[in-house]
Amino acid sequence: MTQQEIKEMAKRVVGDGGTPNKWFVTTGPYYRSNVSNPDWEFELMDGYSEKDVYTYGPFDTYEDAVDCYEAETLYADSGVCQAFIEDRKCGTVREKWLTKKVVVEYEEDEVDHSKIFY
């Protein structure tokens, strides 16, 4: 199946409650930010688009989907900031993501003007 066919199939069947159950693993360039959005909605990583979302599957077993999911390493520089497993019965069943956090860091600085005076 092509990527487009897999995405279309996932759109049709995820959460429809049908049988047999199928699982899909999706990765994308979306991250959560605890600074700019207190509701924890996903934001698109700069330089990426919806075209950078990739869906794997369909998987016949949950175990196969988990193997694919766990093989995905989240890394902002590669645009893989989110991964999740969805199935036909209930939709999203497992999810991981990167969270953008702003950390305040203090460093010691010094200017020495003593050579001007001594």
N, C-alpha and C. Protein backbone atom coordinates (compact mmCIF):
# COMPACT_ATOMS: atom_id res chain seq x y z
N MET A 1 0.83 -1.19 0.00
CA MET A 1 0.00 0.00 0.00
C MET A 1 0.88 1.25 0.00
N THR A 2 0.40 2.27 -0.66
CA THR A 2 1.11 3.54 -0.64
C THR A 2 0.77 4.29 0.64
N GLN A 3 1.56 5.31 0.95
CA GLN A 3 1.33 6.12 2.13
C GLN A 3 -0.06 6.76 2.08
N GLN A 4 -0.45 7.23 0.91
CA GLN A 4 -1.77 7.85 0.77
C GLN A 4 -2.89 6.84 1.03
N GLU A 5 -2.74 5.62 0.54
CA GLU A 5 -3.75 4.57 0.77
C GLU A 5 -3.84 4.20 2.24
N ILE A 6 -2.69 4.12 2.91
CA ILE A 6 -2.68 3.80 4.35
C ILE A 6 -3.38 4.90 5.14
N LYS A 7 -3.07 6.16 4.82
CA LYS A 7 -3.70 7.29 5.52
C LYS A 7 -5.21 7.29 5.29
N GLU A 8 -5.64 7.04 4.06
CA GLU A 8 -7.07 7.01 3.76
C GLU A 8 -7.77 5.88 4.51
N MET A 9 -7.14 4.71 4.55
CA MET A 9 -7.71 3.58 5.28
C MET A 9 -7.83 3.92 6.77
N ALA A 10 -6.78 4.50 7.33
CA ALA A 10 -6.81 4.88 8.74
C ALA A 10 -7.93 5.87 9.01
N LYS A 11 -8.11 6.86 8.14
CA LYS A 11 -9.19 7.84 8.32
C LYS A 11 -10.55 7.17 8.31
N ARG A 12 -10.70 6.17 7.45
CA ARG A 12 -11.99 5.48 7.33
C ARG A 12 -12.30 4.60 8.53
N VAL A 13 -11.30 3.86 9.04
CA VAL A 13 -11.61 2.81 10.00
C VAL A 13 -11.29 3.13 11.46
N VAL A 14 -10.40 4.08 11.74
CA VAL A 14 -10.03 4.34 13.13
C VAL A 14 -11.26 4.80 13.91
N GLY A 15 -11.53 4.07 14.99
CA GLY A 15 -12.64 4.41 15.86
C GLY A 15 -14.02 4.01 15.37
N ASP A 16 -14.10 3.26 14.26
CA ASP A 16 -15.43 2.91 13.74
C ASP A 16 -16.06 1.70 14.45
N GLY A 17 -15.30 1.03 15.33
CA GLY A 17 -15.84 -0.09 16.09
C GLY A 17 -15.97 -1.38 15.29
N GLY A 18 -15.48 -1.38 14.06
CA GLY A 18 -15.62 -2.55 13.19
C GLY A 18 -14.66 -3.67 13.53
N THR A 19 -14.87 -4.78 12.84
CA THR A 19 -13.99 -5.94 12.98
C THR A 19 -13.52 -6.35 11.60
N PRO A 20 -12.39 -6.98 11.44
CA PRO A 20 -11.42 -7.23 12.52
C PRO A 20 -10.72 -5.94 12.92
N ASN A 21 -10.24 -5.95 14.14
CA ASN A 21 -9.55 -4.76 14.62
C ASN A 21 -8.22 -4.60 13.88
N LYS A 22 -7.87 -3.37 13.55
CA LYS A 22 -6.61 -3.02 12.90
C LYS A 22 -5.99 -1.88 13.68
N TRP A 23 -4.67 -1.84 13.69
CA TRP A 23 -3.94 -0.80 14.40
C TRP A 23 -3.07 -0.02 13.43
N PHE A 24 -2.90 1.27 13.70
CA PHE A 24 -2.08 2.15 12.89
C PHE A 24 -1.17 2.94 13.83
N VAL A 25 0.06 3.18 13.38
CA VAL A 25 1.01 4.01 14.12
C VAL A 25 1.27 5.24 13.27
N THR A 26 1.10 6.40 13.87
CA THR A 26 1.30 7.65 13.16
C THR A 26 2.36 8.48 13.87
N THR A 27 3.24 9.08 13.09
CA THR A 27 4.26 9.99 13.63
C THR A 27 4.10 11.34 12.95
N GLY A 28 4.49 12.39 13.65
CA GLY A 28 4.36 13.71 13.04
C GLY A 28 5.19 14.77 13.73
N PRO A 29 5.24 15.95 13.12
CA PRO A 29 6.05 17.05 13.63
C PRO A 29 5.28 17.96 14.59
N TYR A 30 4.43 17.39 15.42
CA TYR A 30 3.65 18.18 16.37
C TYR A 30 4.18 17.95 17.78
N TYR A 31 4.31 19.03 18.55
CA TYR A 31 4.79 18.95 19.92
C TYR A 31 3.83 19.71 20.81
N ARG A 32 3.96 19.51 22.10
CA ARG A 32 3.16 20.27 23.05
C ARG A 32 4.06 21.32 23.70
N SER A 33 3.46 22.46 23.99
CA SER A 33 4.22 23.54 24.61
C SER A 33 3.54 23.95 25.90
N ASN A 34 4.29 23.95 27.00
CA ASN A 34 3.69 24.36 28.26
C ASN A 34 3.84 25.85 28.51
N VAL A 35 4.39 26.56 27.55
CA VAL A 35 4.59 27.99 27.73
C VAL A 35 3.52 28.78 26.99
N SER A 36 3.37 28.53 25.72
CA SER A 36 2.49 29.35 24.91
C SER A 36 1.05 28.87 24.90
N ASN A 37 0.80 27.64 25.33
CA ASN A 37 -0.55 27.12 25.24
C ASN A 37 -0.90 26.33 26.50
N PRO A 38 -1.58 26.95 27.45
CA PRO A 38 -1.87 26.27 28.71
C PRO A 38 -2.83 25.08 28.56
N ASP A 39 -3.51 24.97 27.44
CA ASP A 39 -4.44 23.85 27.22
C ASP A 39 -3.74 22.63 26.65
N TRP A 40 -2.44 22.69 26.45
CA TRP A 40 -1.65 21.56 25.98
C TRP A 40 -2.08 21.07 24.61
N GLU A 41 -2.43 21.96 23.73
CA GLU A 41 -2.73 21.55 22.37
C GLU A 41 -1.42 21.37 21.61
N PHE A 42 -1.47 20.56 20.57
CA PHE A 42 -0.27 20.32 19.78
C PHE A 42 -0.01 21.48 18.84
N GLU A 43 1.28 21.81 18.68
CA GLU A 43 1.70 22.87 17.77
C GLU A 43 2.64 22.26 16.75
N LEU A 44 2.57 22.78 15.54
CA LEU A 44 3.41 22.30 14.45
C LEU A 44 4.82 22.86 14.58
N MET A 45 5.81 21.98 14.47
CA MET A 45 7.22 22.37 14.53
C MET A 45 7.54 23.27 13.33
N ASP A 46 8.28 24.35 13.57
CA ASP A 46 8.68 25.26 12.49
C ASP A 46 9.41 24.49 11.39
N GLY A 47 9.08 24.80 10.15
CA GLY A 47 9.74 24.18 9.01
C GLY A 47 9.08 22.90 8.53
N TYR A 48 8.03 22.46 9.20
CA TYR A 48 7.34 21.22 8.82
C TYR A 48 5.89 21.51 8.49
N SER A 49 5.23 20.54 7.85
CA SER A 49 3.83 20.71 7.48
C SER A 49 3.09 19.39 7.70
N GLU A 50 1.81 19.40 7.43
CA GLU A 50 0.97 18.21 7.53
C GLU A 50 1.49 17.09 6.62
N LYS A 51 2.20 17.45 5.57
CA LYS A 51 2.77 16.44 4.67
C LYS A 51 3.83 15.59 5.34
N ASP A 52 4.36 16.05 6.47
CA ASP A 52 5.40 15.33 7.19
C ASP A 52 4.85 14.32 8.19
N VAL A 53 3.53 14.15 8.22
CA VAL A 53 2.90 13.13 9.06
C VAL A 53 2.98 11.81 8.31
N TYR A 54 3.42 10.75 9.00
CA TYR A 54 3.59 9.45 8.36
C TYR A 54 2.80 8.40 9.14
N THR A 55 2.05 7.55 8.44
CA THR A 55 1.25 6.51 9.08
C THR A 55 1.73 5.14 8.63
N TYR A 56 1.94 4.25 9.60
CA TYR A 56 2.36 2.87 9.35
C TYR A 56 1.18 1.94 9.61
N GLY A 57 1.10 0.87 8.87
CA GLY A 57 0.05 -0.12 9.12
C GLY A 57 -0.64 -0.49 7.84
N PRO A 58 -1.76 -1.13 7.91
CA PRO A 58 -2.43 -1.57 9.13
C PRO A 58 -1.74 -2.79 9.73
N PHE A 59 -1.75 -2.84 11.07
CA PHE A 59 -1.19 -3.98 11.79
C PHE A 59 -2.34 -4.88 12.24
N ASP A 60 -2.11 -6.17 12.19
CA ASP A 60 -3.15 -7.13 12.58
C ASP A 60 -3.18 -7.37 14.08
N THR A 61 -2.07 -7.08 14.78
CA THR A 61 -2.03 -7.28 16.23
C THR A 61 -1.52 -6.02 16.91
N TYR A 62 -1.95 -5.87 18.14
CA TYR A 62 -1.50 -4.75 18.95
C TYR A 62 0.01 -4.84 19.19
N GLU A 63 0.51 -6.04 19.38
CA GLU A 63 1.93 -6.25 19.63
C GLU A 63 2.78 -5.74 18.47
N ASP A 64 2.34 -6.00 17.24
CA ASP A 64 3.07 -5.51 16.07
C ASP A 64 3.07 -3.98 16.02
N ALA A 65 1.92 -3.39 16.36
CA ALA A 65 1.83 -1.92 16.38
C ALA A 65 2.75 -1.35 17.46
N VAL A 66 2.81 -2.00 18.63
CA VAL A 66 3.67 -1.54 19.71
C VAL A 66 5.14 -1.63 19.31
N ASP A 67 5.52 -2.68 18.61
CA ASP A 67 6.91 -2.80 18.14
C ASP A 67 7.28 -1.62 17.24
N CYS A 68 6.39 -1.27 16.33
CA CYS A 68 6.62 -0.13 15.43
C CYS A 68 6.67 1.18 16.24
N TYR A 69 5.74 1.35 17.15
CA TYR A 69 5.65 2.55 18.00
C TYR A 69 6.91 2.73 18.83
N GLU A 70 7.36 1.65 19.46
CA GLU A 70 8.55 1.74 20.32
C GLU A 70 9.83 1.94 19.52
N ALA A 71 9.82 1.59 18.24
CA ALA A 71 10.99 1.81 17.39
C ALA A 71 11.13 3.27 16.99
N GLU A 72 10.08 4.06 17.16
CA GLU A 72 10.12 5.47 16.80
C GLU A 72 10.80 6.28 17.90
N THR A 73 11.89 6.94 17.56
CA THR A 73 12.59 7.80 18.50
C THR A 73 12.15 9.23 18.24
N LEU A 74 11.64 9.87 19.27
CA LEU A 74 11.22 11.26 19.13
C LEU A 74 12.45 12.15 19.19
N TYR A 75 12.55 13.01 18.19
CA TYR A 75 13.71 13.89 18.09
C TYR A 75 13.30 15.12 17.29
N ALA A 76 13.34 16.28 17.91
CA ALA A 76 12.87 17.51 17.28
C ALA A 76 13.59 17.83 15.98
N ASP A 77 14.90 17.61 15.92
CA ASP A 77 15.66 17.95 14.72
C ASP A 77 15.26 17.13 13.51
N SER A 78 14.68 15.95 13.73
CA SER A 78 14.25 15.12 12.60
C SER A 78 12.77 15.31 12.29
N GLY A 79 12.08 16.12 13.09
CA GLY A 79 10.67 16.38 12.84
C GLY A 79 9.74 15.30 13.36
N VAL A 80 10.26 14.36 14.12
CA VAL A 80 9.40 13.34 14.73
C VAL A 80 9.22 13.74 16.19
N CYS A 81 8.13 14.44 16.45
CA CYS A 81 7.89 14.99 17.78
C CYS A 81 6.72 14.30 18.48
N GLN A 82 6.04 13.41 17.77
CA GLN A 82 4.85 12.78 18.30
C GLN A 82 4.68 11.42 17.64
N ALA A 83 4.22 10.45 18.40
CA ALA A 83 3.86 9.14 17.84
C ALA A 83 2.65 8.63 18.61
N PHE A 84 1.75 7.97 17.91
CA PHE A 84 0.59 7.40 18.60
C PHE A 84 0.08 6.17 17.86
N ILE A 85 -0.60 5.31 18.64
CA ILE A 85 -1.24 4.11 18.11
C ILE A 85 -2.74 4.34 18.15
N GLU A 86 -3.41 4.03 17.04
CA GLU A 86 -4.86 4.11 16.98
C GLU A 86 -5.40 2.76 16.51
N ASP A 87 -6.63 2.44 16.91
CA ASP A 87 -7.25 1.21 16.43
C ASP A 87 -8.70 1.46 16.04
N ARG A 88 -9.32 0.41 15.49
CA ARG A 88 -10.70 0.53 15.04
C ARG A 88 -11.69 0.63 16.17
N LYS A 89 -11.39 0.00 17.30
CA LYS A 89 -12.37 -0.08 18.38
C LYS A 89 -12.56 1.23 19.13
N CYS A 90 -11.45 1.91 19.48
CA CYS A 90 -11.62 3.08 20.34
C CYS A 90 -10.83 4.31 19.91
N GLY A 91 -10.08 4.24 18.85
CA GLY A 91 -9.29 5.39 18.42
C GLY A 91 -7.90 5.35 19.01
N THR A 92 -7.44 6.45 19.62
CA THR A 92 -6.08 6.52 20.16
C THR A 92 -5.98 5.67 21.41
N VAL A 93 -4.99 4.75 21.42
CA VAL A 93 -4.80 3.87 22.57
C VAL A 93 -3.46 4.09 23.27
N ARG A 94 -2.51 4.72 22.60
CA ARG A 94 -1.21 4.99 23.21
C ARG A 94 -0.58 6.16 22.48
N GLU A 95 0.13 7.01 23.24
CA GLU A 95 0.66 8.24 22.63
C GLU A 95 1.89 8.72 23.37
N LYS A 96 2.87 9.25 22.63
CA LYS A 96 4.03 9.90 23.22
C LYS A 96 4.34 11.14 22.40
N TRP A 97 4.95 12.14 23.06
CA TRP A 97 5.24 13.39 22.37
C TRP A 97 6.38 14.12 23.07
N LEU A 98 6.95 15.07 22.35
CA LEU A 98 7.92 15.99 22.93
C LEU A 98 7.17 17.20 23.46
N THR A 99 7.67 17.73 24.56
CA THR A 99 7.10 18.94 25.14
C THR A 99 8.16 20.03 25.10
N LYS A 100 7.80 21.17 24.54
CA LYS A 100 8.71 22.31 24.50
C LYS A 100 8.60 23.03 25.84
N LYS A 101 9.74 23.15 26.52
CA LYS A 101 9.76 23.83 27.81
C LYS A 101 10.81 24.92 27.78
N VAL A 102 10.51 26.02 28.41
CA VAL A 102 11.46 27.10 28.54
C VAL A 102 12.06 26.99 29.94
N VAL A 103 13.37 26.91 30.00
CA VAL A 103 14.07 26.77 31.27
C VAL A 103 14.92 28.01 31.48
N VAL A 104 14.80 28.62 32.64
CA VAL A 104 15.61 29.77 32.98
C VAL A 104 16.90 29.25 33.59
N GLU A 105 18.00 29.69 33.03
CA GLU A 105 19.30 29.25 33.51
C GLU A 105 20.12 30.48 33.84
N TYR A 106 20.77 30.46 34.99
CA TYR A 106 21.62 31.58 35.41
C TYR A 106 23.07 31.17 35.29
N GLU A 107 23.86 32.07 34.72
CA GLU A 107 25.29 31.84 34.59
C GLU A 107 26.02 33.02 35.20
N GLU A 108 27.19 32.74 35.72
CA GLU A 108 28.00 33.81 36.31
C GLU A 108 28.82 34.48 35.22
N ASP A 109 28.78 35.80 35.18
CA ASP A 109 29.59 36.59 34.25
C ASP A 109 30.38 37.61 35.06
N GLU A 110 31.46 38.10 34.48
CA GLU A 110 32.29 39.08 35.18
C GLU A 110 33.01 39.94 34.16
N VAL A 111 33.17 41.19 34.49
CA VAL A 111 34.00 42.11 33.71
C VAL A 111 35.05 42.63 34.66
N ASP A 112 36.31 42.55 34.25
CA ASP A 112 37.42 42.98 35.11
C ASP A 112 38.04 44.25 34.51
N HIS A 113 37.77 45.40 35.14
CA HIS A 113 38.33 46.66 34.70
C HIS A 113 39.56 47.05 35.52
N SER A 114 40.04 46.18 36.34
CA SER A 114 41.14 46.51 37.25
C SER A 114 42.40 46.92 36.50
N LYS A 115 42.63 46.39 35.32
CA LYS A 115 43.86 46.74 34.60
C LYS A 115 43.83 48.22 34.15
N ILE A 116 42.67 48.81 34.08
CA ILE A 116 42.58 50.22 33.74
C ILE A 116 43.07 51.07 34.91
N PHE A 117 42.81 50.63 36.13
CA PHE A 117 43.12 51.41 37.32
C PHE A 117 44.46 51.04 37.96
N TYR A 118 44.97 49.87 37.70
CA TYR A 118 46.20 49.41 38.38
C TYR A 118 47.22 48.95 37.40
